[in-house]
Amino acid sequence: MLNAMIALYHPALQQARHRQIDLLAGRFLTPNRPKPWQNLNLFSGYCCAMYARQRDISVQSENFIEKFVLWCRGTLLPFWADNGIDRQNGGFFEQLYLDGIPDRTVARRVRVASRQIYSFAHAQHLGWLQDQELILNGVDWLLDKGWAVDGNPGFLHLLDDGGQPLDASRDLYDHAFHILGLSWAYRATKDAQVLSAARRTFDFVEEALASKQGGWHENLAHALPRRQNPHMHMFEALLALYECSGDSAYLKRADEIAVLLAEKFVARNSALLHEFFDADWSAHTPAQIEPGHMAEWSWLLQRRAMLTADAAKNPLAGRLLANAERLGKQQNGLLIDTCDTAANPTKDSCRLWNQSEWLKALMIAAPTPAQISPAIDDLLQRIFAHYLNQPNPALWIDAICPNNEAISDRVPASIVYHLVSAASEAERIFLDPKPRNPS
């Protein structure tokens, strides 16, 4: 009977699962057993946890690159495709508890929907997932609940659990992920309306948020401080929009942000990445350093160099990665969240997303032909040991202390984006014999 429930959640059988769920729930839940599954999401969580556990048997590989990719494909994505989606109110859950039950007490950031759309679309593009309906349903919900709901262009910032607006502000960081998610959704589905939505979103950013000092404002109110982080994700989004559309204007705009990085975001002598700025891009002091962002920029700059034959490798990529490791690497072998310019911790937690971005930077810097360095292998072992080694193998600890103790009791859906991105790079660089066509 358990195998029947598990098989129901195999991706190849997803079309039939919801028609059978009530029958299965009545048939297999005994009167003496607690019944937490009062709606479809909770029951599907149980089945997917069992499915993930069974699939995890095939991930016991000594090759940690292979193990990580198999875990993402066979455990992470199937579970979140069922348990990260709100079948009652639509959209995607903001976060889950460590037992896989959704947390309905928190507001939902609209951008999380786009990060999930990106994750499933990228997986579909790679052949890891076959569920175009999931992607398009996510896009439909995003546009219906998020775009111009108050009659003005742009995406809202926050919704309540039922999908009603809580914060109608237009945020640059949010819109970067909407462009990214819609661009990848188009690559996965080839739906022209999705590409039009991605273009429209970028047009809104340009028209409403562009700054005379370079880059874009934080929001419609031109709030301060200005931040490099939304610009980093706009850079990422523009690369994706260029790849899916072939329109070189988006790549040119991305290159303008790379100039802003070199001239304003990064200290010229030290190549340290600053986070916060005044309106004229004067950096705040003392500087707050986020090693994970330096690693993320390192990866993005190298990804940019791969897109066109005439693009030279950006030397700043190597300096940023070296700084991330020099200032951020702790005794537990992981990157810390924030520190000062002398490597003194200002927030001594180590979140999983930092490690996934560090992993991407290490992998893309691997020599050709690609070689799995001891640093890559060591980092992956630590990721599995400290974050992914959970009773439900499709979930993780979001943050740990320097002594490796867990300090989080929720699983943010937004981290799926980081994990899928890292696993896709691992496959592309180390496991795929032929480079993929980016179109």
Protein backbone atom coordinates (compact mmCIF):
# COMPACT_ATOMS: atom_id res chain seq x y z
CA MET A 1 0.00 0.00 0.00
CA LEU A 2 2.85 2.35 0.81
CA ASN A 3 4.36 1.67 -2.60
CA ALA A 4 1.05 2.63 -4.18
CA MET A 5 1.10 5.97 -2.39
CA ILE A 6 4.73 6.58 -3.31
CA ALA A 7 4.15 5.68 -6.94
CA LEU A 8 1.32 8.18 -7.06
CA TYR A 9 3.85 10.97 -6.60
CA HIS A 10 6.32 9.87 -9.23
CA PRO A 11 6.56 12.73 -11.77
CA ALA A 12 5.39 10.45 -14.57
CA LEU A 13 2.10 9.88 -12.77
CA GLN A 14 1.35 13.41 -11.61
CA GLN A 15 -1.69 13.90 -13.84
CA ALA A 16 -3.66 11.24 -11.98
CA ARG A 17 -2.59 12.00 -8.43
CA HIS A 18 -5.19 14.59 -7.44
CA ARG A 19 -8.15 12.54 -8.67
CA GLN A 20 -7.07 9.68 -6.39
CA ILE A 21 -5.99 11.55 -3.30
CA ASP A 22 -9.28 11.42 -1.36
CA LEU A 23 -9.67 7.70 -2.00
CA LEU A 24 -6.14 6.98 -0.82
CA ALA A 25 -6.52 9.17 2.25
CA GLY A 26 -9.60 7.27 3.33
CA ARG A 27 -8.10 3.88 2.55
CA PHE A 28 -4.70 4.07 4.22
CA LEU A 29 -5.13 6.24 7.32
CA THR A 30 -6.10 4.09 10.28
CA PRO A 31 -8.35 5.30 13.15
CA ASN A 32 -5.58 4.89 15.73
CA ARG A 33 -3.06 7.00 13.84
CA PRO A 34 -2.90 10.82 14.09
CA LYS A 35 -4.40 12.43 11.00
CA PRO A 36 -2.55 15.69 10.28
CA TRP A 37 -3.53 15.53 6.61
CA GLN A 38 -6.67 17.66 6.67
CA ASN A 39 -6.09 19.01 3.19
CA LEU A 40 -4.43 17.85 0.02
CA ASN A 41 -1.11 19.60 0.70
CA LEU A 42 -0.56 17.91 4.05
CA PHE A 43 -1.38 14.44 2.77
CA SER A 44 0.75 14.90 -0.34
CA GLY A 45 3.56 16.01 1.99
CA TYR A 46 3.51 12.63 3.67
CA CYS A 47 3.50 10.71 0.42
CA CYS A 48 6.28 12.84 -1.08
CA ALA A 49 8.41 12.46 2.03
CA MET A 50 8.16 8.68 1.64
CA TYR A 51 8.90 8.97 -2.08
CA ALA A 52 11.90 11.20 -1.38
CA ARG A 53 13.23 8.77 1.20
CA GLN A 54 12.95 5.88 -1.25
CA ARG A 55 14.62 7.86 -4.04
CA ASP A 56 17.40 8.93 -1.69
CA ILE A 57 18.71 5.36 -1.67
CA SER A 58 20.04 5.94 -5.20
CA VAL A 59 21.96 9.03 -4.07
CA GLN A 60 24.50 7.15 -1.94
CA SER A 61 27.41 7.97 -4.24
CA GLU A 62 31.00 8.66 -3.29
CA ASN A 63 31.06 11.24 -6.06
CA PHE A 64 29.56 14.24 -4.26
CA ILE A 65 28.92 16.14 -7.48
CA GLU A 66 26.85 13.25 -8.79
CA LYS A 67 25.19 12.80 -5.41
CA PHE A 68 24.19 16.46 -5.29
CA VAL A 69 22.71 16.46 -8.81
CA LEU A 70 20.81 13.23 -8.20
CA TRP A 71 19.48 14.59 -4.92
CA CYS A 72 18.22 17.73 -6.64
CA ARG A 73 16.61 15.83 -9.51
CA GLY A 74 15.18 12.87 -7.63
CA THR A 75 14.43 14.20 -4.15
CA LEU A 76 14.30 18.00 -3.97
CA LEU A 77 12.28 18.81 -7.09
CA PRO A 78 9.59 16.08 -6.87
CA PHE A 79 8.90 16.97 -3.24
CA TRP A 80 8.64 20.72 -3.81
CA ALA A 81 6.58 20.25 -6.97
CA ASP A 82 3.91 18.76 -4.73
CA ASN A 83 4.46 20.30 -1.32
CA GLY A 84 5.59 23.80 -2.23
CA ILE A 85 2.38 24.57 -4.13
CA ASP A 86 -0.77 25.84 -2.42
CA ARG A 87 -3.61 23.87 -4.02
CA GLN A 88 -6.12 25.69 -1.82
CA ASN A 89 -5.34 29.37 -2.48
CA GLY A 90 -2.95 29.10 -5.40
CA GLY A 91 0.67 30.12 -5.74
CA PHE A 92 3.61 28.86 -3.73
CA PHE A 93 4.16 28.63 -0.01
CA GLU A 94 6.63 31.05 1.55
CA GLN A 95 8.16 28.40 3.80
CA LEU A 96 7.65 24.98 5.34
CA TYR A 97 8.23 23.63 8.81
CA LEU A 98 10.97 21.03 9.17
CA ASP A 99 8.35 18.27 9.02
CA GLY A 100 7.22 19.49 5.58
CA ILE A 101 3.97 21.11 6.68
CA PRO A 102 3.42 24.57 5.14
CA ASP A 103 3.64 27.64 7.36
CA ARG A 104 0.48 29.64 6.71
CA THR A 105 1.19 32.27 9.38
CA VAL A 106 3.57 34.42 7.33
CA ALA A 107 3.12 36.92 4.51
CA ARG A 108 4.14 35.78 1.05
CA ARG A 109 6.75 37.66 -0.92
CA VAL A 110 5.52 37.68 -4.50
CA ARG A 111 9.09 37.21 -5.74
CA VAL A 112 9.20 33.74 -4.16
CA ALA A 113 6.72 32.64 -6.82
CA SER A 114 9.13 33.75 -9.53
CA ARG A 115 12.04 31.99 -7.83
CA GLN A 116 10.00 28.79 -7.79
CA ILE A 117 8.96 29.29 -11.41
CA TYR A 118 12.64 29.67 -12.28
CA SER A 119 13.50 26.46 -10.43
CA PHE A 120 10.87 24.32 -12.13
CA ALA A 121 11.44 25.92 -15.54
CA HIS A 122 15.20 25.38 -15.38
CA ALA A 123 14.57 21.77 -14.35
CA GLN A 124 12.16 21.33 -17.26
CA HIS A 125 14.70 22.83 -19.68
CA LEU A 126 17.31 20.31 -18.52
CA GLY A 127 14.93 17.35 -18.73
CA TRP A 128 14.84 16.88 -14.97
CA LEU A 129 11.11 17.59 -14.79
CA GLN A 130 8.25 17.09 -17.21
CA ASP A 131 5.47 19.35 -15.95
CA GLN A 132 4.86 22.31 -18.22
CA GLU A 133 1.42 22.78 -16.64
CA LEU A 134 3.04 23.44 -13.26
CA ILE A 135 5.17 26.21 -14.75
CA LEU A 136 2.36 27.88 -16.69
CA ASN A 137 -0.02 27.66 -13.74
CA GLY A 138 2.63 29.40 -11.66
CA VAL A 139 3.01 32.14 -14.25
CA ASP A 140 -0.76 32.59 -14.45
CA TRP A 141 -1.01 32.99 -10.67
CA LEU A 142 1.94 35.39 -10.61
CA LEU A 143 0.44 37.68 -13.24
CA ASP A 144 -3.08 37.44 -11.83
CA LYS A 145 -2.19 38.12 -8.19
CA GLY A 146 0.99 40.16 -8.56
CA TRP A 147 0.94 42.37 -11.64
CA ALA A 148 -0.92 45.71 -11.64
CA VAL A 149 -3.52 44.48 -9.15
CA ASP A 150 -4.08 48.08 -7.98
CA GLY A 151 -4.38 49.38 -11.53
CA ASN A 152 -0.76 50.56 -11.77
CA PRO A 153 2.02 48.72 -13.61
CA GLY A 154 4.54 46.61 -11.74
CA PHE A 155 4.41 43.70 -9.31
CA LEU A 156 3.19 44.02 -5.73
CA HIS A 157 5.60 43.20 -2.92
CA LEU A 158 3.61 41.16 -0.37
CA LEU A 159 0.40 39.11 -0.23
CA ASP A 160 -1.33 37.41 2.65
CA ASP A 161 -1.81 33.64 2.78
CA GLY A 162 -5.04 33.93 0.84
CA GLY A 163 -3.47 35.97 -1.96
CA GLN A 164 -4.76 39.40 -0.92
CA PRO A 165 -2.43 42.43 -1.17
CA LEU A 166 -0.50 43.46 1.95
CA ASP A 167 2.20 45.72 0.46
CA ALA A 168 1.76 47.29 -2.96
CA SER A 169 5.24 48.79 -3.17
CA ARG A 170 7.27 48.16 -6.34
CA ASP A 171 10.66 46.82 -5.36
CA LEU A 172 13.68 46.54 -7.69
CA TYR A 173 14.95 43.33 -6.08
CA ASP A 174 11.53 41.73 -6.60
CA HIS A 175 11.36 42.69 -10.26
CA ALA A 176 14.78 41.20 -10.96
CA PHE A 177 13.43 37.80 -9.97
CA HIS A 178 10.23 38.29 -11.92
CA ILE A 179 12.30 38.90 -15.06
CA LEU A 180 14.47 35.87 -14.26
CA GLY A 181 11.53 33.55 -13.60
CA LEU A 182 9.56 34.64 -16.65
CA SER A 183 12.63 34.36 -18.90
CA TRP A 184 13.23 30.78 -17.82
CA ALA A 185 9.53 29.97 -18.05
CA TYR A 186 9.67 31.03 -21.69
CA ARG A 187 12.74 28.86 -22.32
CA ALA A 188 10.91 25.88 -20.83
CA THR A 189 7.53 26.39 -22.50
CA LYS A 190 8.15 28.57 -25.60
CA ASP A 191 4.94 30.41 -24.75
CA ALA A 192 5.21 33.80 -26.47
CA GLN A 193 2.95 35.46 -23.90
CA VAL A 194 5.43 34.57 -21.16
CA LEU A 195 8.28 36.24 -23.05
CA SER A 196 6.07 39.30 -23.53
CA ALA A 197 5.51 39.42 -19.77
CA ALA A 198 9.25 39.27 -19.15
CA ARG A 199 9.87 42.11 -21.60
CA ARG A 200 7.04 44.16 -20.10
CA THR A 201 8.50 43.72 -16.63
CA PHE A 202 11.90 44.97 -17.74
CA ASP A 203 10.28 47.91 -19.54
CA PHE A 204 8.55 48.86 -16.30
CA VAL A 205 11.88 48.78 -14.40
CA GLU A 206 13.50 51.00 -17.01
CA GLU A 207 10.65 53.48 -17.16
CA ALA A 208 9.83 53.71 -13.45
CA LEU A 209 13.09 53.01 -11.61
CA ALA A 210 16.04 54.05 -13.84
CA SER A 211 18.47 56.42 -12.11
CA LYS A 212 20.50 59.26 -13.63
CA GLN A 213 23.39 58.16 -11.40
CA GLY A 214 23.41 54.72 -13.02
CA GLY A 215 21.45 51.57 -12.37
CA TRP A 216 18.02 51.80 -10.84
CA HIS A 217 16.34 53.13 -7.71
CA GLU A 218 15.29 50.76 -4.94
CA ASN A 219 11.60 51.54 -5.41
CA LEU A 220 9.22 54.23 -6.64
CA ALA A 221 9.99 56.35 -3.56
CA HIS A 222 13.75 56.28 -4.34
CA ALA A 223 14.43 54.88 -0.86
CA LEU A 224 17.92 54.97 0.61
CA PRO A 225 20.32 53.36 1.07
CA ARG A 226 20.86 52.10 -2.44
CA ARG A 227 22.04 48.50 -2.63
CA GLN A 228 24.24 46.53 -4.95
CA ASN A 229 22.27 43.30 -4.37
CA PRO A 230 19.23 44.16 -6.53
CA HIS A 231 21.61 45.21 -9.30
CA MET A 232 23.44 41.89 -9.08
CA HIS A 233 20.14 40.09 -9.60
CA MET A 234 19.14 42.46 -12.39
CA PHE A 235 22.45 41.51 -14.04
CA GLU A 236 21.51 37.84 -13.66
CA ALA A 237 18.00 38.46 -14.96
CA LEU A 238 19.24 40.39 -18.02
CA LEU A 239 21.59 37.55 -18.94
CA ALA A 240 18.62 35.18 -18.80
CA LEU A 241 16.42 37.54 -20.84
CA TYR A 242 19.16 37.87 -23.44
CA GLU A 243 19.62 34.10 -23.65
CA CYS A 244 15.92 33.41 -24.14
CA SER A 245 15.17 36.30 -26.51
CA GLY A 246 18.41 36.77 -28.43
CA ASP A 247 18.00 40.54 -28.05
CA SER A 248 21.47 42.03 -27.56
CA ALA A 249 19.99 45.18 -25.96
CA TYR A 250 19.51 43.19 -22.76
CA LEU A 251 23.13 42.02 -22.79
CA LYS A 252 24.29 45.60 -23.33
CA ARG A 253 22.26 46.72 -20.31
CA ALA A 254 23.79 43.92 -18.26
CA ASP A 255 27.27 45.05 -19.29
CA GLU A 256 26.46 48.54 -18.02
CA ILE A 257 25.79 47.02 -14.61
CA ALA A 258 29.13 45.22 -14.76
CA VAL A 259 30.76 48.64 -15.27
CA LEU A 260 28.85 49.94 -12.25
CA LEU A 261 30.15 46.97 -10.27
CA ALA A 262 33.75 47.73 -11.16
CA GLU A 263 33.50 51.50 -10.70
CA LYS A 264 31.12 51.88 -7.74
CA PHE A 265 30.27 48.65 -5.95
CA VAL A 266 33.81 47.35 -5.55
CA ALA A 267 36.65 49.18 -3.79
CA ARG A 268 39.28 49.63 -6.49
CA ASN A 269 42.35 48.72 -4.48
CA SER A 270 40.98 45.87 -2.37
CA ALA A 271 38.23 44.54 -4.68
CA LEU A 272 35.95 44.28 -1.65
CA LEU A 273 32.27 44.41 -2.55
CA HIS A 274 30.29 47.08 -0.70
CA GLU A 275 26.59 46.59 -0.05
CA PHE A 276 25.08 49.98 0.81
CA PHE A 277 25.37 53.41 -0.85
CA ASP A 278 24.10 56.97 -0.90
CA ALA A 279 22.12 58.31 -3.86
CA ASP A 280 25.33 59.16 -5.78
CA TRP A 281 26.78 55.67 -5.17
CA SER A 282 29.12 56.82 -2.39
CA ALA A 283 29.75 53.71 -0.31
CA HIS A 284 28.66 53.60 3.30
CA THR A 285 31.35 53.22 5.92
CA PRO A 286 32.16 51.14 7.82
CA ALA A 287 31.48 48.65 5.08
CA GLN A 288 29.38 45.56 5.59
CA ILE A 289 30.82 42.62 3.66
CA GLU A 290 28.73 39.66 2.52
CA PRO A 291 31.08 36.92 1.30
CA GLY A 292 28.22 35.04 -0.37
CA HIS A 293 27.52 38.00 -2.64
CA MET A 294 31.17 38.20 -3.69
CA ALA A 295 31.05 34.52 -4.62
CA GLU A 296 27.77 35.07 -6.47
CA TRP A 297 29.19 37.96 -8.50
CA SER A 298 32.25 35.85 -9.29
CA TRP A 299 30.05 33.17 -10.82
CA LEU A 300 27.88 35.67 -12.69
CA LEU A 301 30.85 37.43 -14.27
CA GLN A 302 32.18 34.14 -15.58
CA ARG A 303 28.74 33.19 -16.86
CA ARG A 304 28.65 36.48 -18.76
CA ALA A 305 32.02 35.73 -20.35
CA MET A 306 30.65 32.44 -21.69
CA LEU A 307 27.71 34.00 -23.53
CA THR A 308 29.59 35.62 -26.42
CA ALA A 309 32.76 34.58 -28.17
CA ASP A 310 34.24 38.09 -28.00
CA ALA A 311 33.81 38.47 -24.22
CA ALA A 312 37.07 38.27 -22.29
CA LYS A 313 37.14 36.63 -18.89
CA ASN A 314 36.65 39.33 -16.25
CA PRO A 315 39.67 39.39 -13.88
CA LEU A 316 37.43 40.79 -11.15
CA ALA A 317 35.78 37.37 -10.84
CA GLY A 318 38.88 35.76 -9.39
CA ARG A 319 39.55 38.64 -6.98
CA LEU A 320 36.00 38.56 -5.65
CA LEU A 321 36.15 34.81 -5.05
CA ALA A 322 39.49 35.12 -3.29
CA ASN A 323 38.10 37.87 -1.05
CA ALA A 324 35.00 35.83 -0.25
CA GLU A 325 37.17 32.98 0.96
CA ARG A 326 39.74 35.16 2.73
CA LEU A 327 37.18 37.11 4.74
CA GLY A 328 34.28 34.71 4.97
CA LYS A 329 35.59 31.19 5.42
CA GLN A 330 35.19 30.04 9.02
CA GLN A 331 36.82 27.26 11.02
CA ASN A 332 33.88 25.01 10.14
CA GLY A 333 34.83 25.40 6.46
CA LEU A 334 31.74 27.44 5.55
CA LEU A 335 31.10 31.04 4.50
CA ILE A 336 29.74 33.37 7.15
CA ASP A 337 26.79 35.65 6.42
CA THR A 338 28.39 39.06 7.09
CA CYS A 339 31.66 40.47 8.36
CA ASP A 340 33.67 43.68 8.33
CA THR A 341 36.69 44.44 6.15
CA ALA A 342 38.99 42.85 8.72
CA ALA A 343 37.07 39.54 8.65
CA ASN A 344 35.43 40.15 12.04
CA PRO A 345 31.96 38.56 11.99
CA THR A 346 29.04 40.97 12.22
CA LYS A 347 26.49 38.18 11.87
CA ASP A 348 27.99 34.84 12.72
CA SER A 349 25.42 32.57 11.07
CA CYS A 350 26.22 30.52 7.98
CA ARG A 351 23.20 30.24 5.69
CA LEU A 352 22.91 27.52 3.07
CA TRP A 353 22.53 29.96 0.16
CA ASN A 354 26.04 31.32 0.80
CA GLN A 355 27.50 27.86 0.41
CA SER A 356 25.57 27.16 -2.80
CA GLU A 357 26.85 30.37 -4.39
CA TRP A 358 30.38 29.62 -3.27
CA LEU A 359 30.03 26.16 -4.80
CA LYS A 360 28.95 27.67 -8.15
CA ALA A 361 31.93 30.03 -8.17
CA LEU A 362 34.33 27.18 -7.43
CA MET A 363 32.84 24.94 -10.10
CA ILE A 364 32.82 27.48 -12.91
CA ALA A 365 36.45 28.34 -12.10
CA ALA A 366 37.49 24.69 -12.48
CA PRO A 367 40.20 24.11 -15.10
CA THR A 368 39.35 22.69 -18.50
CA PRO A 369 38.79 19.79 -18.82
CA ALA A 370 36.76 20.20 -15.64
CA GLN A 371 38.32 18.70 -12.55
CA ILE A 372 36.60 18.28 -9.21
CA SER A 373 39.01 20.03 -6.88
CA PRO A 374 39.43 19.05 -3.22
CA ALA A 375 37.79 22.38 -2.32
CA ILE A 376 34.63 21.51 -4.26
CA ASP A 377 34.49 18.01 -2.81
CA ASP A 378 35.06 19.30 0.72
CA LEU A 379 32.37 21.97 0.44
CA LEU A 380 29.80 19.51 -0.89
CA GLN A 381 30.55 17.09 1.94
CA ARG A 382 29.96 19.89 4.45
CA ILE A 383 26.72 20.93 2.73
CA PHE A 384 25.39 17.40 3.00
CA ALA A 385 26.61 16.95 6.58
CA HIS A 386 25.42 20.25 8.06
CA TYR A 387 22.40 21.25 5.96
CA LEU A 388 20.91 18.39 3.93
CA ASN A 389 21.19 15.52 6.41
CA GLN A 390 17.57 15.73 7.62
CA PRO A 391 14.82 13.23 8.51
CA ASN A 392 12.97 14.42 5.43
CA PRO A 393 15.72 14.30 2.79
CA ALA A 394 13.98 16.89 0.58
CA LEU A 395 14.37 19.60 3.25
CA TRP A 396 17.33 21.34 4.86
CA ILE A 397 18.55 23.50 7.71
CA ASP A 398 18.61 27.09 6.48
CA ALA A 399 21.30 28.44 8.84
CA ILE A 400 23.81 27.13 11.36
CA CYS A 401 26.16 28.69 13.92
CA PRO A 402 29.95 28.51 13.59
CA ASN A 403 29.80 25.52 15.96
CA ASN A 404 27.47 23.82 13.43
CA GLU A 405 24.34 24.00 15.58
CA ALA A 406 21.11 24.66 13.68
CA ILE A 407 19.55 28.08 14.29
CA SER A 408 16.53 27.88 11.99
CA ASP A 409 13.30 25.92 12.28
CA ARG A 410 11.73 26.87 8.95
CA VAL A 411 12.62 25.88 5.38
CA PRO A 412 12.40 28.92 3.05
CA ALA A 413 11.06 28.10 -0.39
CA SER A 414 13.31 30.80 -1.83
CA ILE A 415 16.38 28.58 -1.33
CA VAL A 416 15.19 26.06 -3.94
CA TYR A 417 16.35 28.62 -6.53
CA HIS A 418 19.92 28.53 -5.17
CA LEU A 419 20.02 24.74 -5.01
CA VAL A 420 18.66 24.17 -8.52
CA SER A 421 21.06 26.75 -9.94
CA ALA A 422 24.01 25.06 -8.24
CA ALA A 423 22.97 21.56 -9.27
CA SER A 424 22.44 22.64 -12.89
CA GLU A 425 25.96 24.08 -12.95
CA ALA A 426 27.34 20.88 -11.44
CA GLU A 427 25.76 18.81 -14.18
CA ARG A 428 26.78 21.21 -16.96
CA ILE A 429 30.41 21.43 -15.88
CA PHE A 430 31.17 17.93 -14.61
CA LEU A 431 28.55 15.44 -15.80
CA ASP A 432 27.36 16.64 -19.22
CA PRO A 433 29.68 15.47 -22.04
CA LYS A 434 28.44 18.19 -24.40
CA PRO A 435 27.71 21.88 -23.71
CA ARG A 436 24.00 22.62 -23.89
CA ASN A 437 22.51 24.91 -26.50
CA PRO A 438 21.49 27.99 -24.53
CA SER A 439 18.38 28.56 -26.64
